[in-house]
Amino acid sequence: MIEEILPKGVAVAELFADRPGAMLFEEEAVAVQRAVDSRRREFTSGRACARRALARLGLPPVPVPRGERGAPAWPDGVVGSITHCEGYRACAVAMDTQILTIGIDAEPHEPLPAGVFDMISLRTERWALARLPSGVHWDRVLFSAKESIYKAWFPLTRRWLDFSEATVTIDPSAGTFHARLSKIATVHRGGLLTELAGGWRVADGFVLTAIAHPADRAASLVSEPLAMNL
C-alpha cells in the first residue's frame, strides 16, 4: 500500500502478518535479545521486509542493525526506512544516487490516545486540522507525518527533531503534506535544511505517510549557503 505514495526508484516490501521462519543476522539480534516476544517478532519481520526490498534493488541479503538513536544502519549507497504497527510492517529503500532520504510511517487509523494530540501538535496545526473534512482521523495523520519527517531528517542531520520543530500543513485532496522546519541543520554541501514534503494515504484501517526526496532535487533543501558554525 505504501508504494502508492512513493516515487519510482524506491523499492518497497510489506507484510500484514509476521513472517514465519524469518531470521536475524547476529548483528541485528543483539538489538532485541532482551525484548518481549512481540517486539522480537515485529523487529524480525521488519528486517525481513528490508531484505526483500534490498533484493528488489538487486542487492544481496545483508545485516541491517540498529544504528544511532535506533535508526536502521543501511549498506553504503543505500537510504531507507522501516515502519511497523499492529498488523503491518514495511520497508522502503533506494540508492542514494536517486533518493537523498526516505522516511515512512504506518499507524492504525484511529484517534490518538487522550492527551497525545496536544503534545505533538502546534496551535496553528490544531486550528487547521479542525477545518478539514470529516471521515479521517487527522490527528493520527499529523502524528504519522511527523514520524516520517523525523525518519527523513535524522539520517541527513544526525540531530533530534522535536514534534514542535516541524509545522505541518496537510492537503486533504492531493494526499500530500508539507513541513516547515524551525530547527536549523546543515545538510548537502553545507546548506540549510528548512522543509520536507511527502504523501499520505488511509487504506484498510491504516494511516500511511512517506517522504522520499529525489537526489536530483537536493538543492531544494538548501535555503542559503551556511554562514555560521551551528
Protein backbone atom coordinates (compact mmCIF):
# COMPACT_ATOMS: atom_id res chain seq x y z
CA MET A 1 0.00 0.00 0.00
CA ILE A 2 2.73 2.45 0.91
CA GLU A 3 4.28 2.06 -2.53
CA GLU A 4 1.44 4.21 -3.91
CA ILE A 5 2.78 7.32 -2.15
CA LEU A 6 6.43 6.75 -3.00
CA PRO A 7 8.18 7.72 -6.26
CA LYS A 8 9.82 5.49 -8.83
CA GLY A 9 13.25 4.33 -7.80
CA VAL A 10 12.10 3.35 -4.31
CA ALA A 11 11.84 -0.41 -3.64
CA VAL A 12 9.17 -1.45 -1.15
CA ALA A 13 8.29 -4.62 0.76
CA GLU A 14 5.40 -5.01 3.20
CA LEU A 15 3.82 -7.68 5.38
CA PHE A 16 0.43 -7.86 7.08
CA ALA A 17 1.50 -10.63 9.47
CA ASP A 18 4.80 -11.71 10.94
CA ARG A 19 6.74 -13.94 8.57
CA PRO A 20 7.21 -17.48 9.95
CA GLY A 21 10.81 -18.64 9.91
CA ALA A 22 12.30 -15.18 9.37
CA MET A 23 15.80 -14.99 10.82
CA LEU A 24 18.08 -12.23 12.03
CA PHE A 25 21.77 -11.74 11.48
CA GLU A 26 23.82 -11.79 14.66
CA GLU A 27 24.41 -8.04 14.40
CA GLU A 28 20.64 -7.48 14.34
CA ALA A 29 19.69 -9.97 17.04
CA VAL A 30 21.65 -8.02 19.65
CA ALA A 31 19.06 -5.24 19.48
CA VAL A 32 16.19 -7.48 20.64
CA GLN A 33 17.93 -10.13 22.73
CA ARG A 34 16.14 -8.91 25.88
CA ALA A 35 12.92 -7.78 24.21
CA VAL A 36 9.50 -9.33 24.69
CA ASP A 37 8.31 -11.79 22.06
CA SER A 38 6.01 -9.32 20.27
CA ARG A 39 8.86 -6.83 19.90
CA ARG A 40 11.23 -9.52 18.57
CA ARG A 41 8.64 -10.61 16.02
CA GLU A 42 7.94 -7.12 14.70
CA PHE A 43 11.66 -6.34 14.54
CA THR A 44 12.38 -9.61 12.71
CA SER A 45 9.56 -9.05 10.22
CA GLY A 46 10.77 -5.50 9.61
CA ARG A 47 14.23 -6.82 8.78
CA ALA A 48 12.67 -9.47 6.53
CA CYS A 49 10.94 -6.62 4.66
CA ALA A 50 14.27 -4.80 4.47
CA ARG A 51 15.98 -7.76 2.80
CA ARG A 52 13.12 -8.21 0.34
CA ALA A 53 13.27 -4.51 -0.54
CA LEU A 54 17.07 -4.60 -0.92
CA ALA A 55 16.71 -7.63 -3.21
CA ARG A 56 14.44 -5.55 -5.44
CA LEU A 57 17.35 -3.15 -5.84
CA GLY A 58 19.49 -6.12 -6.89
CA LEU A 59 21.41 -6.22 -3.60
CA PRO A 60 22.29 -9.35 -1.59
CA PRO A 61 20.90 -10.06 1.91
CA VAL A 62 22.93 -8.16 4.49
CA PRO A 63 22.50 -7.22 8.15
CA VAL A 64 20.55 -4.04 8.88
CA PRO A 65 21.49 -3.44 12.53
CA ARG A 66 20.23 -0.65 14.74
CA GLY A 67 22.38 2.42 14.42
CA GLU A 68 22.41 5.75 16.18
CA ARG A 69 19.12 6.50 18.02
CA GLY A 70 17.77 3.19 16.76
CA ALA A 71 17.77 4.18 13.09
CA PRO A 72 18.48 1.32 10.64
CA ALA A 73 22.13 1.19 9.53
CA TRP A 74 21.91 0.66 5.76
CA PRO A 75 24.66 -0.61 3.46
CA ASP A 76 26.84 2.03 1.82
CA GLY A 77 24.99 3.73 -1.02
CA VAL A 78 21.52 2.88 0.30
CA VAL A 79 18.93 5.05 2.04
CA GLY A 80 15.82 3.62 3.62
CA SER A 81 13.22 3.48 6.35
CA ILE A 82 11.31 0.76 8.24
CA THR A 83 7.93 1.00 9.95
CA HIS A 84 5.66 -1.33 11.86
CA CYS A 85 2.36 -1.20 13.71
CA GLU A 86 -0.19 -3.84 14.68
CA GLY A 87 -0.95 -5.83 11.52
CA TYR A 88 1.51 -4.08 9.22
CA ARG A 89 5.28 -3.99 8.60
CA ALA A 90 7.02 -2.24 5.70
CA CYS A 91 10.37 -1.09 4.39
CA ALA A 92 11.31 1.34 1.63
CA VAL A 93 14.85 1.63 0.23
CA ALA A 94 16.61 3.32 -2.66
CA MET A 95 20.08 4.05 -3.96
CA ASP A 96 21.42 7.37 -2.71
CA THR A 97 22.21 8.38 -6.28
CA GLN A 98 18.45 8.55 -6.88
CA ILE A 99 16.93 9.38 -3.50
CA LEU A 100 18.50 11.65 -0.89
CA THR A 101 16.48 10.48 2.12
CA ILE A 102 13.42 8.35 2.98
CA GLY A 103 11.03 8.35 5.92
CA ILE A 104 7.95 6.13 6.17
CA ASP A 105 5.42 5.51 8.94
CA ALA A 106 2.31 3.37 9.46
CA GLU A 107 -0.30 3.85 12.17
CA PRO A 108 -3.75 2.43 12.95
CA HIS A 109 -6.47 4.69 11.54
CA GLU A 110 -7.77 5.57 14.98
CA PRO A 111 -7.82 8.72 17.13
CA LEU A 112 -4.66 9.35 19.10
CA PRO A 113 -4.78 8.40 22.79
CA ALA A 114 -6.07 11.10 25.12
CA GLY A 115 -3.61 13.93 25.60
CA VAL A 116 -1.23 12.92 22.81
CA PHE A 117 -2.63 15.29 20.17
CA ASP A 118 -1.90 18.36 22.27
CA MET A 119 1.62 17.06 22.95
CA ILE A 120 2.58 16.54 19.29
CA SER A 121 0.75 19.45 17.62
CA LEU A 122 1.13 23.20 17.41
CA ARG A 123 -1.80 25.59 17.85
CA THR A 124 -1.77 26.51 14.16
CA GLU A 125 -1.91 22.80 13.23
CA ARG A 126 -4.84 22.16 15.56
CA TRP A 127 -6.69 25.10 14.06
CA ALA A 128 -6.08 23.89 10.51
CA LEU A 129 -6.96 20.25 11.18
CA ALA A 130 -10.27 21.23 12.80
CA ARG A 131 -11.31 22.67 9.43
CA LEU A 132 -10.51 19.60 7.33
CA PRO A 133 -13.30 17.28 6.05
CA SER A 134 -14.66 14.63 8.41
CA GLY A 135 -14.10 10.90 7.94
CA VAL A 136 -10.34 10.90 8.52
CA HIS A 137 -8.59 10.90 11.88
CA TRP A 138 -6.44 13.92 11.05
CA ASP A 139 -4.72 13.85 14.43
CA ARG A 140 -3.30 10.43 13.54
CA VAL A 141 -2.30 11.61 10.04
CA LEU A 142 -0.43 14.53 11.61
CA PHE A 143 1.33 12.25 14.09
CA SER A 144 2.34 9.84 11.32
CA ALA A 145 3.57 12.67 9.09
CA LYS A 146 5.78 13.96 11.90
CA GLU A 147 7.17 10.46 12.43
CA SER A 148 8.07 10.24 8.72
CA ILE A 149 9.60 13.72 8.88
CA TYR A 150 11.88 12.72 11.73
CA LYS A 151 12.91 9.49 9.96
CA ALA A 152 13.85 11.51 6.86
CA TRP A 153 15.51 14.28 8.89
CA PHE A 154 17.75 12.23 11.15
CA PRO A 155 19.93 10.47 8.51
CA LEU A 156 20.69 13.87 6.98
CA THR A 157 21.46 15.71 10.20
CA ARG A 158 22.18 13.18 12.99
CA ARG A 159 20.22 15.51 15.26
CA TRP A 160 16.99 15.17 17.25
CA LEU A 161 13.87 16.90 15.90
CA ASP A 162 11.03 17.56 18.32
CA PHE A 163 7.37 17.43 17.29
CA SER A 164 7.17 21.18 17.89
CA GLU A 165 10.03 21.88 15.47
CA ALA A 166 8.09 20.86 12.36
CA THR A 167 4.98 22.79 11.33
CA VAL A 168 2.93 20.50 9.08
CA THR A 169 0.30 21.50 6.54
CA ILE A 170 -1.88 18.67 5.18
CA ASP A 171 -3.58 18.81 1.79
CA PRO A 172 -6.69 16.61 2.08
CA SER A 173 -7.43 16.46 -1.65
CA ALA A 174 -3.92 15.91 -3.03
CA GLY A 175 -2.90 13.42 -0.33
CA THR A 176 0.25 15.37 0.44
CA PHE A 177 1.81 17.21 3.37
CA HIS A 178 4.47 19.87 3.77
CA ALA A 179 6.65 20.55 6.79
CA ARG A 180 8.37 23.82 7.61
CA LEU A 181 11.26 23.14 9.99
CA SER A 182 12.21 25.60 12.73
CA LYS A 183 15.38 23.76 13.74
CA ILE A 184 18.42 24.66 11.67
CA ALA A 185 20.68 21.86 10.47
CA THR A 186 23.44 21.63 7.91
CA VAL A 187 22.97 19.22 5.04
CA HIS A 188 24.03 18.71 1.44
CA ARG A 189 27.19 20.68 0.77
CA GLY A 190 26.86 22.99 3.74
CA GLY A 191 23.36 24.30 3.09
CA LEU A 192 20.42 24.62 5.48
CA LEU A 193 17.57 22.14 5.67
CA THR A 194 14.34 24.11 6.08
CA GLU A 195 11.50 21.96 4.75
CA LEU A 196 10.38 18.46 3.75
CA ALA A 197 7.32 17.21 1.89
CA GLY A 198 5.61 13.85 1.43
CA GLY A 199 2.39 11.96 0.85
CA TRP A 200 -0.27 10.33 3.00
CA ARG A 201 -2.93 7.69 2.48
CA VAL A 202 -5.64 6.00 4.54
CA ALA A 203 -6.37 2.40 3.49
CA ASP A 204 -7.51 -0.88 5.07
CA GLY A 205 -7.57 0.61 8.56
CA PHE A 206 -4.09 2.17 8.38
CA VAL A 207 -2.66 5.65 8.05
CA LEU A 208 0.46 5.65 5.87
CA THR A 209 2.85 8.54 5.34
CA ALA A 210 6.06 8.74 3.34
CA ILE A 211 8.83 11.12 2.32
CA ALA A 212 11.32 10.33 -0.43
CA HIS A 213 13.29 13.35 -1.62
CA PRO A 214 14.92 12.82 -5.02
CA ALA A 215 18.69 13.28 -5.10
CA ASP A 216 18.48 15.41 -8.23
CA ARG A 217 16.38 17.92 -6.28
CA ALA A 218 18.69 18.02 -3.29
CA ALA A 219 19.32 21.69 -3.91
CA SER A 220 15.70 22.42 -2.97
CA LEU A 221 16.61 21.52 0.62
CA VAL A 222 19.09 24.36 0.73
CA SER A 223 17.78 27.82 1.50
CA GLU A 224 21.14 29.62 1.56
CA PRO A 225 24.86 28.89 2.00
CA LEU A 226 25.93 28.13 5.53
CA ALA A 227 27.40 31.33 7.00
CA MET A 228 27.94 30.30 10.62
CA ASN A 229 29.01 27.35 12.72
CA LEU A 230 25.89 25.57 14.06
